[in-house]
Amino acid sequence: MSELTQKLALGNLHDKIMHNLTRLADQMGWVEEDDFCRINLALTHQEIAWMAGATRESVSVTLQDLARIGRIRTGFKSVAVRRNELSTSFRIHTQL
């Protein structure tokens, strides 16, 4: 099992959500806003939960945690990822 597969299967919800958000930003594009990059896709907490294999309630709490520590910024059906998270994700994806 690859390290990425193992991390997504067994990792914590923070990692699963960040992986999915950075993947969506890469695939759908993003708009730069200050130090954040807003994903060009309207997302609900339920849709993020489906992607992460988690409940909506646990995703809502985790998104609040990620916003509190400054890794993301959320709005009505929008999520912005801190710019350095995308550059880290890009380096990981290009090494795979």
N, C-alpha and C. Protein backbone atom coordinates (compact mmCIF):
# COMPACT_ATOMS: atom_id res chain seq x y z
N MET A 1 0.85 -1.17 0.00
CA MET A 1 0.00 0.00 0.00
C MET A 1 0.90 1.24 0.00
N SER A 2 0.62 2.18 -0.90
CA SER A 2 1.43 3.40 -0.95
C SER A 2 1.21 4.24 0.31
N GLU A 3 2.14 5.12 0.56
CA GLU A 3 2.03 5.98 1.74
C GLU A 3 0.79 6.85 1.67
N LEU A 4 0.50 7.41 0.48
CA LEU A 4 -0.69 8.25 0.31
C LEU A 4 -1.96 7.44 0.56
N THR A 5 -2.05 6.25 -0.01
CA THR A 5 -3.23 5.40 0.18
C THR A 5 -3.40 5.05 1.64
N GLN A 6 -2.32 4.70 2.30
CA GLN A 6 -2.39 4.35 3.72
C GLN A 6 -2.82 5.56 4.55
N LYS A 7 -2.29 6.73 4.22
CA LYS A 7 -2.65 7.93 4.98
C LYS A 7 -4.13 8.26 4.82
N LEU A 8 -4.65 8.12 3.58
CA LEU A 8 -6.06 8.42 3.35
C LEU A 8 -6.97 7.38 3.98
N ALA A 9 -6.55 6.13 3.99
CA ALA A 9 -7.38 5.08 4.57
C ALA A 9 -7.36 5.13 6.10
N LEU A 10 -6.21 5.39 6.66
CA LEU A 10 -6.08 5.30 8.11
C LEU A 10 -5.85 6.64 8.80
N GLY A 11 -5.63 7.69 8.03
CA GLY A 11 -5.30 9.00 8.59
C GLY A 11 -6.47 9.68 9.26
N ASN A 12 -6.17 10.80 9.86
CA ASN A 12 -7.23 11.52 10.55
C ASN A 12 -8.07 12.32 9.54
N LEU A 13 -9.19 12.80 9.99
CA LEU A 13 -10.13 13.49 9.12
C LEU A 13 -9.56 14.80 8.59
N HIS A 14 -8.73 15.47 9.37
CA HIS A 14 -8.09 16.70 8.90
C HIS A 14 -7.32 16.42 7.61
N ASP A 15 -6.52 15.35 7.62
CA ASP A 15 -5.71 15.01 6.44
C ASP A 15 -6.58 14.63 5.25
N LYS A 16 -7.62 13.87 5.48
CA LYS A 16 -8.51 13.45 4.39
C LYS A 16 -9.18 14.66 3.74
N ILE A 17 -9.67 15.57 4.56
CA ILE A 17 -10.34 16.76 4.03
C ILE A 17 -9.35 17.64 3.27
N MET A 18 -8.18 17.86 3.84
CA MET A 18 -7.19 18.70 3.15
C MET A 18 -6.76 18.07 1.83
N HIS A 19 -6.59 16.77 1.81
CA HIS A 19 -6.23 16.09 0.56
C HIS A 19 -7.31 16.33 -0.50
N ASN A 20 -8.56 16.14 -0.12
CA ASN A 20 -9.66 16.32 -1.08
C ASN A 20 -9.79 17.78 -1.53
N LEU A 21 -9.62 18.72 -0.62
CA LEU A 21 -9.72 20.13 -1.00
C LEU A 21 -8.60 20.55 -1.94
N THR A 22 -7.38 20.10 -1.67
CA THR A 22 -6.27 20.47 -2.55
C THR A 22 -6.42 19.79 -3.91
N ARG A 23 -6.93 18.58 -3.92
CA ARG A 23 -7.19 17.87 -5.18
C ARG A 23 -8.25 18.62 -6.00
N LEU A 24 -9.32 19.04 -5.33
CA LEU A 24 -10.36 19.81 -6.02
C LEU A 24 -9.83 21.14 -6.55
N ALA A 25 -9.00 21.80 -5.79
CA ALA A 25 -8.41 23.06 -6.25
C ALA A 25 -7.57 22.83 -7.50
N ASP A 26 -6.81 21.74 -7.51
CA ASP A 26 -6.00 21.41 -8.69
C ASP A 26 -6.88 21.10 -9.90
N GLN A 27 -7.97 20.38 -9.68
CA GLN A 27 -8.83 19.95 -10.78
C GLN A 27 -9.79 21.04 -11.26
N MET A 28 -10.37 21.78 -10.35
CA MET A 28 -11.42 22.75 -10.70
C MET A 28 -10.88 24.17 -10.87
N GLY A 29 -9.69 24.39 -10.39
CA GLY A 29 -9.12 25.73 -10.44
C GLY A 29 -9.46 26.50 -9.18
N TRP A 30 -8.85 27.65 -9.03
CA TRP A 30 -9.05 28.46 -7.85
C TRP A 30 -8.79 29.93 -8.17
N VAL A 31 -9.31 30.79 -7.28
CA VAL A 31 -9.13 32.23 -7.39
C VAL A 31 -8.38 32.70 -6.16
N GLU A 32 -7.32 33.46 -6.37
CA GLU A 32 -6.50 33.92 -5.26
C GLU A 32 -7.20 35.03 -4.50
N GLU A 33 -7.23 34.90 -3.18
CA GLU A 33 -7.81 35.90 -2.28
C GLU A 33 -6.87 36.04 -1.08
N ASP A 34 -6.10 37.09 -1.05
CA ASP A 34 -5.10 37.30 0.00
C ASP A 34 -4.14 36.12 0.01
N ASP A 35 -3.97 35.48 1.16
CA ASP A 35 -3.09 34.31 1.27
C ASP A 35 -3.83 33.00 1.01
N PHE A 36 -5.06 33.09 0.53
CA PHE A 36 -5.88 31.91 0.31
C PHE A 36 -6.24 31.77 -1.16
N CYS A 37 -6.61 30.56 -1.54
CA CYS A 37 -7.04 30.26 -2.90
C CYS A 37 -8.42 29.61 -2.80
N ARG A 38 -9.46 30.35 -3.27
CA ARG A 38 -10.83 29.85 -3.21
C ARG A 38 -11.08 28.88 -4.35
N ILE A 39 -11.57 27.70 -4.02
CA ILE A 39 -11.84 26.66 -5.00
C ILE A 39 -13.03 27.08 -5.87
N ASN A 40 -12.90 26.90 -7.18
CA ASN A 40 -13.95 27.28 -8.13
C ASN A 40 -15.03 26.21 -8.20
N LEU A 41 -15.64 25.92 -7.08
CA LEU A 41 -16.70 24.93 -7.01
C LEU A 41 -17.48 25.17 -5.73
N ALA A 42 -18.80 25.27 -5.86
CA ALA A 42 -19.65 25.40 -4.67
C ALA A 42 -19.67 24.06 -3.96
N LEU A 43 -19.34 24.06 -2.68
CA LEU A 43 -19.26 22.82 -1.89
C LEU A 43 -20.08 22.94 -0.62
N THR A 44 -20.84 21.91 -0.32
CA THR A 44 -21.52 21.83 0.97
C THR A 44 -20.72 20.94 1.90
N HIS A 45 -20.99 21.04 3.18
CA HIS A 45 -20.33 20.17 4.14
C HIS A 45 -20.67 18.71 3.85
N GLN A 46 -21.89 18.45 3.39
CA GLN A 46 -22.29 17.07 3.07
C GLN A 46 -21.46 16.52 1.91
N GLU A 47 -21.22 17.32 0.90
CA GLU A 47 -20.41 16.86 -0.24
C GLU A 47 -18.97 16.57 0.17
N ILE A 48 -18.42 17.41 1.03
CA ILE A 48 -17.07 17.17 1.55
C ILE A 48 -17.06 15.89 2.38
N ALA A 49 -18.12 15.67 3.15
CA ALA A 49 -18.22 14.45 3.96
C ALA A 49 -18.25 13.21 3.07
N TRP A 50 -19.00 13.24 1.98
CA TRP A 50 -19.03 12.10 1.07
C TRP A 50 -17.64 11.79 0.52
N MET A 51 -16.90 12.84 0.16
CA MET A 51 -15.55 12.65 -0.38
C MET A 51 -14.60 12.05 0.65
N ALA A 52 -14.78 12.44 1.90
CA ALA A 52 -13.88 11.99 2.96
C ALA A 52 -14.35 10.70 3.63
N GLY A 53 -15.55 10.25 3.31
CA GLY A 53 -16.08 9.05 3.95
C GLY A 53 -16.39 9.27 5.42
N ALA A 54 -16.98 10.42 5.71
CA ALA A 54 -17.25 10.80 7.10
C ALA A 54 -18.67 11.36 7.19
N THR A 55 -19.10 11.65 8.40
CA THR A 55 -20.42 12.25 8.59
C THR A 55 -20.33 13.76 8.38
N ARG A 56 -21.45 14.36 8.03
CA ARG A 56 -21.49 15.81 7.85
C ARG A 56 -21.14 16.51 9.14
N GLU A 57 -21.63 15.98 10.25
CA GLU A 57 -21.37 16.61 11.55
C GLU A 57 -19.88 16.64 11.87
N SER A 58 -19.19 15.52 11.64
CA SER A 58 -17.76 15.48 11.95
C SER A 58 -16.98 16.38 10.99
N VAL A 59 -17.42 16.47 9.74
CA VAL A 59 -16.77 17.36 8.78
C VAL A 59 -16.97 18.81 9.17
N SER A 60 -18.15 19.17 9.62
CA SER A 60 -18.40 20.56 10.06
C SER A 60 -17.47 20.95 11.19
N VAL A 61 -17.30 20.06 12.16
CA VAL A 61 -16.39 20.34 13.29
C VAL A 61 -14.95 20.45 12.80
N THR A 62 -14.56 19.54 11.91
CA THR A 62 -13.18 19.55 11.39
C THR A 62 -12.91 20.78 10.55
N LEU A 63 -13.88 21.21 9.74
CA LEU A 63 -13.70 22.44 8.95
C LEU A 63 -13.53 23.64 9.88
N GLN A 64 -14.27 23.68 10.97
CA GLN A 64 -14.12 24.76 11.94
C GLN A 64 -12.71 24.73 12.54
N ASP A 65 -12.22 23.53 12.87
CA ASP A 65 -10.86 23.39 13.40
C ASP A 65 -9.83 23.89 12.39
N LEU A 66 -9.96 23.46 11.14
CA LEU A 66 -9.01 23.86 10.09
C LEU A 66 -9.05 25.37 9.87
N ALA A 67 -10.22 25.97 9.95
CA ALA A 67 -10.34 27.43 9.81
C ALA A 67 -9.72 28.13 11.02
N ARG A 68 -9.94 27.59 12.19
CA ARG A 68 -9.40 28.20 13.41
C ARG A 68 -7.88 28.24 13.40
N ILE A 69 -7.25 27.18 12.86
CA ILE A 69 -5.78 27.15 12.84
C ILE A 69 -5.21 27.78 11.57
N GLY A 70 -6.09 28.29 10.70
CA GLY A 70 -5.64 29.07 9.55
C GLY A 70 -5.28 28.29 8.30
N ARG A 71 -5.65 27.03 8.21
CA ARG A 71 -5.33 26.25 7.00
C ARG A 71 -6.35 26.47 5.88
N ILE A 72 -7.59 26.84 6.26
CA ILE A 72 -8.64 27.11 5.28
C ILE A 72 -9.44 28.32 5.72
N ARG A 73 -10.27 28.80 4.82
CA ARG A 73 -11.26 29.84 5.14
C ARG A 73 -12.55 29.38 4.46
N THR A 74 -13.66 29.48 5.17
CA THR A 74 -14.93 29.02 4.61
C THR A 74 -15.92 30.16 4.49
N GLY A 75 -16.86 29.98 3.58
CA GLY A 75 -17.96 30.90 3.38
C GLY A 75 -19.16 30.09 2.93
N PHE A 76 -20.21 30.75 2.49
CA PHE A 76 -21.40 30.05 2.04
C PHE A 76 -21.06 29.24 0.80
N LYS A 77 -21.06 27.92 0.94
CA LYS A 77 -20.74 26.98 -0.13
C LYS A 77 -19.40 27.25 -0.79
N SER A 78 -18.47 27.81 -0.03
CA SER A 78 -17.13 28.05 -0.59
C SER A 78 -16.07 27.70 0.44
N VAL A 79 -14.95 27.24 -0.10
CA VAL A 79 -13.80 26.92 0.74
C VAL A 79 -12.57 27.49 0.05
N ALA A 80 -11.74 28.16 0.83
CA ALA A 80 -10.46 28.66 0.33
C ALA A 80 -9.37 27.99 1.15
N VAL A 81 -8.35 27.52 0.44
CA VAL A 81 -7.23 26.82 1.06
C VAL A 81 -6.05 27.79 1.11
N ARG A 82 -5.31 27.76 2.21
CA ARG A 82 -4.13 28.63 2.31
C ARG A 82 -3.18 28.28 1.16
N ARG A 83 -2.63 29.30 0.54
CA ARG A 83 -1.80 29.15 -0.65
C ARG A 83 -0.66 28.14 -0.45
N ASN A 84 0.01 28.17 0.71
CA ASN A 84 1.13 27.25 0.91
C ASN A 84 0.67 25.79 1.00
N GLU A 85 -0.59 25.54 1.34
CA GLU A 85 -1.12 24.17 1.34
C GLU A 85 -1.17 23.64 -0.09
N LEU A 86 -1.53 24.50 -1.04
CA LEU A 86 -1.59 24.08 -2.44
C LEU A 86 -0.21 23.81 -2.99
N SER A 87 0.77 24.62 -2.64
CA SER A 87 2.12 24.39 -3.15
C SER A 87 2.70 23.11 -2.57
N THR A 88 2.40 22.80 -1.31
CA THR A 88 2.84 21.55 -0.70
C THR A 88 2.17 20.38 -1.40
N SER A 89 0.88 20.50 -1.65
CA SER A 89 0.14 19.45 -2.34
C SER A 89 0.67 19.23 -3.74
N PHE A 90 1.01 20.31 -4.43
CA PHE A 90 1.52 20.19 -5.79
C PHE A 90 2.83 19.41 -5.80
N ARG A 91 3.71 19.68 -4.84
CA ARG A 91 4.99 18.95 -4.77
C ARG A 91 4.74 17.47 -4.52
N ILE A 92 3.79 17.13 -3.65
CA ILE A 92 3.50 15.73 -3.35
C ILE A 92 2.93 15.04 -4.59
N HIS A 93 1.99 15.68 -5.28
CA HIS A 93 1.36 15.07 -6.45
C HIS A 93 2.37 14.86 -7.58
N THR A 94 3.32 15.77 -7.74
CA THR A 94 4.27 15.63 -8.83
C THR A 94 5.30 14.54 -8.54
N GLN A 95 5.49 14.20 -7.25
CA GLN A 95 6.43 13.15 -6.90
C GLN A 95 5.82 11.76 -7.04
N LEU A 96 4.50 11.66 -7.10
CA LEU A 96 3.84 10.35 -7.18
C LEU A 96 3.89 9.77 -8.56
